[in-house]
Amino acid sequence: REREREREKMSKWWRAAAGGLRRVVETTRSYHTIQAIPRESTGSRVSVSDRAQGRIPAVVLAQNHLQTHPTDGGGAARSISRKHLVTTERKQIQAILDSVQLPFFCSTTFPLQIRAGSGSSSLLESGTVLPIKIHRDEETGKILNLVFVWANEGTELKVDVPVVFKGEDVCPGLKKGGHLNKIRTSLKYLCPAEHIPPKIEVDVSNLDIEDRVFMRDVEVHPSLKLLSKNESMPVCKIVATELENPESAQ
């Protein structure tokens, strides 16, 4: 009986934990839904006024190619081109940047809702977007403008995906005094919108002195297409340093 009671307690605990996790995920996802309102006018004066009110001018660019919809009978294709001039809330964008962190912001898709006005419940347009440019003030670093592109399921986008190196703490070449030469900090892929990776991890845990990882060796989702004329180019290399013992490198 005691075992049954313990099992019941654990079962209740796991159900509560799972429910809490779902709520956290839903809250985070909702928090990262970018809220925007239409921008009727353009120009430097209007932009200055928007920024003074705590808003960031932005543009959502169109996808000009045709998208095939399997549900359209016979695989008919229709244009999904739509461009919007909007403003977003500075506080929300900054909070998202703090959470996602650069440079992963421009390789992460976000839900976008365009409403009739600030605080309005009237939804004019919604979809998934990918940030592609952040314009900042050179002196203050404040965000001046944002550029997004529609990234709904079924579309393909060219994305510069940041490269993150892992396994440096156990890398044999580094333990011998070598240096990790990070030749590429990002790789460009043609990605289906639903499979855009925020980052690409390159494992260096087994590399010795003079070992390399080439573009062709990087593991990504099979739907991603590397946009490089030479897949034999290295992403990184373990190079010898002056302090390295030559005997240990052999």
Protein backbone atom coordinates (compact mmCIF):
# COMPACT_ATOMS: atom_id res chain seq x y z
CA ARG A 1 0.00 0.00 0.00
CA GLU A 2 2.84 2.37 0.83
CA ARG A 3 4.36 1.69 -2.57
CA GLU A 4 1.01 2.41 -4.24
CA ARG A 5 0.70 5.68 -2.33
CA GLU A 6 4.25 6.63 -3.34
CA ARG A 7 3.50 5.81 -6.96
CA GLU A 8 0.33 7.90 -6.81
CA LYS A 9 2.27 10.81 -5.31
CA MET A 10 4.93 10.57 -8.01
CA SER A 11 2.25 10.32 -10.70
CA LYS A 12 0.54 13.47 -9.41
CA TRP A 13 3.89 15.25 -9.19
CA TRP A 14 4.80 14.38 -12.79
CA ARG A 15 1.36 15.46 -14.04
CA ALA A 16 1.71 18.78 -12.21
CA ALA A 17 5.27 19.26 -13.49
CA ALA A 18 4.23 18.49 -17.06
CA GLY A 19 1.33 20.92 -16.79
CA GLY A 20 3.63 23.60 -15.43
CA LEU A 21 6.10 23.01 -18.25
CA ARG A 22 3.34 23.32 -20.85
CA ARG A 23 2.23 26.60 -19.29
CA VAL A 24 5.81 27.93 -19.34
CA VAL A 25 6.25 26.94 -23.01
CA GLU A 26 2.91 28.49 -23.97
CA THR A 27 3.72 31.67 -22.03
CA THR A 28 7.16 31.94 -23.65
CA ARG A 29 5.72 31.34 -27.11
CA SER A 30 3.02 33.94 -26.52
CA TYR A 31 5.58 36.39 -25.16
CA HIS A 32 7.68 35.95 -28.29
CA THR A 33 4.73 36.67 -30.58
CA ILE A 34 5.75 40.01 -32.04
CA GLN A 35 2.96 42.57 -31.88
CA ALA A 36 2.86 45.21 -34.62
CA ILE A 37 0.56 47.92 -35.91
CA PRO A 38 0.34 49.41 -39.42
CA ARG A 39 2.52 52.35 -40.35
CA GLU A 40 0.55 54.61 -42.66
CA SER A 41 3.28 57.20 -43.32
CA THR A 42 7.00 56.98 -43.97
CA GLY A 43 9.93 59.35 -43.76
CA SER A 44 12.52 60.42 -41.22
CA ARG A 45 10.17 62.71 -39.28
CA VAL A 46 7.57 59.99 -38.87
CA SER A 47 10.25 57.50 -37.82
CA VAL A 48 11.65 59.91 -35.22
CA SER A 49 8.13 60.38 -33.84
CA ASP A 50 7.56 56.61 -33.69
CA ARG A 51 10.82 56.06 -31.83
CA ALA A 52 9.98 58.85 -29.37
CA GLN A 53 6.81 56.92 -28.54
CA GLY A 54 8.78 53.76 -27.81
CA ARG A 55 8.13 52.09 -31.15
CA ILE A 56 10.49 50.76 -33.84
CA PRO A 57 9.68 51.25 -37.54
CA ALA A 58 9.79 47.94 -39.39
CA VAL A 59 8.98 46.40 -42.73
CA VAL A 60 7.80 42.87 -43.44
CA LEU A 61 9.02 41.93 -46.89
CA ALA A 62 7.13 39.74 -49.31
CA GLN A 63 8.02 36.27 -50.50
CA ASN A 64 7.81 36.81 -54.23
CA HIS A 65 8.17 33.23 -55.35
CA LEU A 66 5.25 30.83 -55.72
CA GLN A 67 4.39 28.36 -53.03
CA THR A 68 2.81 25.00 -53.80
CA HIS A 69 -0.12 24.04 -51.60
CA PRO A 70 -0.87 20.29 -51.60
CA THR A 71 -4.41 21.03 -50.40
CA ASP A 72 -5.21 23.18 -53.44
CA GLY A 73 -6.08 20.19 -55.59
CA GLY A 74 -3.54 19.17 -58.18
CA GLY A 75 -0.79 20.98 -56.32
CA ALA A 76 -1.82 24.40 -57.57
CA ALA A 77 0.54 27.25 -56.77
CA ARG A 78 -0.41 30.70 -55.61
CA SER A 79 1.58 33.80 -54.76
CA ILE A 80 2.15 34.56 -51.09
CA SER A 81 3.56 37.99 -51.81
CA ARG A 82 2.58 40.54 -49.16
CA LYS A 83 4.51 43.53 -47.87
CA HIS A 84 3.64 45.53 -44.76
CA LEU A 85 5.00 48.70 -43.19
CA VAL A 86 4.57 48.44 -39.42
CA THR A 87 5.92 49.54 -36.06
CA THR A 88 6.80 47.25 -33.17
CA GLU A 89 7.15 47.92 -29.46
CA ARG A 90 10.75 48.66 -28.48
CA LYS A 91 10.42 47.02 -25.04
CA GLN A 92 9.16 43.75 -26.52
CA ILE A 93 11.84 43.61 -29.21
CA GLN A 94 14.56 44.32 -26.65
CA ALA A 95 13.17 41.63 -24.33
CA ILE A 96 13.19 39.13 -27.20
CA LEU A 97 16.77 40.08 -28.09
CA ASP A 98 17.81 39.64 -24.45
CA SER A 99 16.18 36.20 -24.41
CA VAL A 100 17.23 34.88 -27.83
CA GLN A 101 20.56 36.74 -27.97
CA LEU A 102 22.45 37.88 -31.02
CA PRO A 103 23.41 36.56 -33.50
CA PHE A 104 20.63 33.95 -33.16
CA PHE A 105 17.88 36.57 -33.57
CA CYS A 106 18.30 36.61 -37.36
CA SER A 107 18.11 32.82 -37.62
CA THR A 108 15.05 32.39 -35.41
CA THR A 109 11.47 32.58 -36.68
CA PHE A 110 8.75 34.32 -34.68
CA PRO A 111 4.97 34.55 -34.85
CA LEU A 112 3.84 38.03 -35.90
CA GLN A 113 0.46 39.65 -35.34
CA ILE A 114 -0.47 42.91 -37.04
CA ARG A 115 -3.33 44.58 -35.19
CA ALA A 116 -5.43 47.60 -36.13
CA GLY A 117 -3.88 49.72 -33.40
CA SER A 118 -1.96 49.61 -30.14
CA GLY A 119 -3.97 47.47 -27.70
CA SER A 120 -6.55 46.62 -30.37
CA SER A 121 -8.15 43.18 -30.51
CA SER A 122 -8.73 43.51 -34.25
CA LEU A 123 -6.23 41.27 -36.05
CA LEU A 124 -5.36 42.44 -39.57
CA GLU A 125 -2.67 39.93 -40.50
CA SER A 126 -0.69 37.16 -38.86
CA GLY A 127 1.97 34.67 -39.79
CA THR A 128 5.54 33.63 -39.15
CA VAL A 129 8.45 35.94 -39.86
CA LEU A 130 12.23 35.79 -39.92
CA PRO A 131 14.26 38.88 -38.93
CA ILE A 132 16.84 39.59 -41.62
CA LYS A 133 18.23 43.03 -40.69
CA ILE A 134 18.64 45.18 -37.60
CA HIS A 135 19.63 48.80 -38.18
CA ARG A 136 21.23 50.46 -35.14
CA ASP A 137 22.46 53.92 -34.28
CA GLU A 138 26.25 53.83 -34.65
CA GLU A 139 26.82 55.93 -31.54
CA THR A 140 24.12 54.76 -29.11
CA GLY A 141 23.50 51.24 -30.40
CA LYS A 142 19.73 51.80 -30.21
CA ILE A 143 17.62 49.93 -32.74
CA LEU A 144 16.43 52.25 -35.51
CA ASN A 145 14.67 49.90 -37.90
CA LEU A 146 13.88 46.23 -38.34
CA VAL A 147 13.40 44.18 -41.50
CA PHE A 148 11.46 40.90 -41.48
CA VAL A 149 10.47 38.48 -44.20
CA TRP A 150 7.42 36.24 -44.20
CA ALA A 151 8.48 32.68 -43.32
CA ASN A 152 5.31 30.64 -43.30
CA GLU A 153 5.47 26.87 -43.68
CA GLY A 154 6.24 25.76 -47.21
CA THR A 155 8.47 28.70 -48.09
CA GLU A 156 12.25 28.54 -48.49
CA LEU A 157 14.65 31.21 -47.29
CA LYS A 158 18.37 31.89 -47.59
CA VAL A 159 19.65 32.09 -44.02
CA ASP A 160 23.08 32.83 -42.56
CA VAL A 161 23.07 30.36 -39.68
CA PRO A 162 25.54 31.08 -36.84
CA VAL A 163 28.12 28.40 -36.10
CA VAL A 164 28.69 27.41 -32.47
CA PHE A 165 31.66 25.26 -31.53
CA LYS A 166 31.37 22.63 -28.81
CA GLY A 167 33.73 20.13 -27.21
CA GLU A 168 36.62 22.56 -26.77
CA ASP A 169 37.07 21.46 -23.15
CA VAL A 170 37.98 17.89 -24.21
CA CYS A 171 39.59 18.59 -27.59
CA PRO A 172 42.92 16.67 -27.80
CA GLY A 173 44.54 19.31 -30.00
CA LEU A 174 43.67 22.11 -27.61
CA LYS A 175 44.91 20.09 -24.64
CA LYS A 176 48.26 19.84 -26.40
CA GLY A 177 48.45 23.61 -26.58
CA GLY A 178 46.90 24.10 -30.00
CA HIS A 179 44.56 26.93 -30.97
CA LEU A 180 41.06 26.66 -32.47
CA ASN A 181 41.00 28.76 -35.63
CA LYS A 182 37.33 29.58 -36.22
CA ILE A 183 37.40 30.16 -39.95
CA ARG A 184 33.64 30.48 -40.42
CA THR A 185 31.27 32.01 -37.88
CA SER A 186 28.20 31.28 -40.02
CA LEU A 187 27.10 29.15 -42.96
CA LYS A 188 24.48 30.08 -45.55
CA TYR A 189 21.73 27.57 -46.30
CA LEU A 190 18.54 27.47 -48.31
CA CYS A 191 16.12 26.41 -45.58
CA PRO A 192 12.47 25.42 -45.52
CA ALA A 193 10.88 27.91 -43.11
CA GLU A 194 9.83 25.13 -40.74
CA HIS A 195 13.40 23.79 -40.48
CA ILE A 196 15.46 26.97 -40.03
CA PRO A 197 18.02 26.18 -37.29
CA PRO A 198 18.82 29.04 -34.87
CA LYS A 199 22.40 27.75 -34.80
CA ILE A 200 24.64 24.97 -36.09
CA GLU A 201 26.83 23.10 -33.64
CA VAL A 202 30.26 21.95 -34.79
CA ASP A 203 31.84 19.31 -32.57
CA VAL A 204 35.60 19.66 -32.11
CA SER A 205 35.92 17.16 -29.25
CA ASN A 206 37.90 14.65 -31.37
CA LEU A 207 40.16 17.04 -33.28
CA ASP A 208 43.93 16.90 -32.96
CA ILE A 209 46.59 19.34 -34.16
CA GLU A 210 46.09 20.21 -37.87
CA ASP A 211 42.66 18.52 -37.97
CA ARG A 212 39.84 20.37 -39.72
CA VAL A 213 36.07 20.28 -39.99
CA PHE A 214 34.87 20.93 -43.54
CA MET A 215 31.56 22.41 -44.66
CA ARG A 216 30.50 19.03 -46.04
CA ASP A 217 31.04 17.43 -42.62
CA VAL A 218 28.60 19.69 -40.76
CA GLU A 219 25.47 17.78 -39.79
CA VAL A 220 22.20 19.60 -40.49
CA HIS A 221 18.60 18.69 -41.30
CA PRO A 222 18.52 16.86 -44.67
CA SER A 223 16.16 19.48 -46.13
CA LEU A 224 18.81 22.21 -45.81
CA LYS A 225 20.91 23.03 -48.88
CA LEU A 226 24.37 24.49 -48.35
CA LEU A 227 24.85 27.58 -50.52
CA SER A 228 28.56 27.29 -51.19
CA LYS A 229 30.47 26.66 -54.40
CA ASN A 230 33.11 24.70 -52.50
CA GLU A 231 31.92 22.31 -49.78
CA SER A 232 35.55 21.37 -49.13
CA MET A 233 36.25 24.70 -47.45
CA PRO A 234 37.12 24.32 -43.75
CA VAL A 235 34.87 25.67 -41.01
CA CYS A 236 37.60 25.41 -38.38
CA LYS A 237 41.09 24.05 -37.82
CA ILE A 238 43.25 23.18 -34.81
CA VAL A 239 46.55 24.96 -35.40
CA ALA A 240 49.83 24.56 -33.56
CA THR A 241 51.09 27.41 -31.42
CA GLU A 242 54.62 28.42 -30.51
CA LEU A 243 54.13 27.03 -27.02
CA GLU A 244 53.15 23.62 -28.32
CA ASN A 245 55.62 20.81 -27.78
CA PRO A 246 56.52 19.51 -31.28
CA GLU A 247 56.87 15.95 -29.97
CA SER A 248 53.31 15.96 -28.59
CA ALA A 249 51.91 17.05 -31.95
CA GLN A 250 53.28 14.02 -33.78
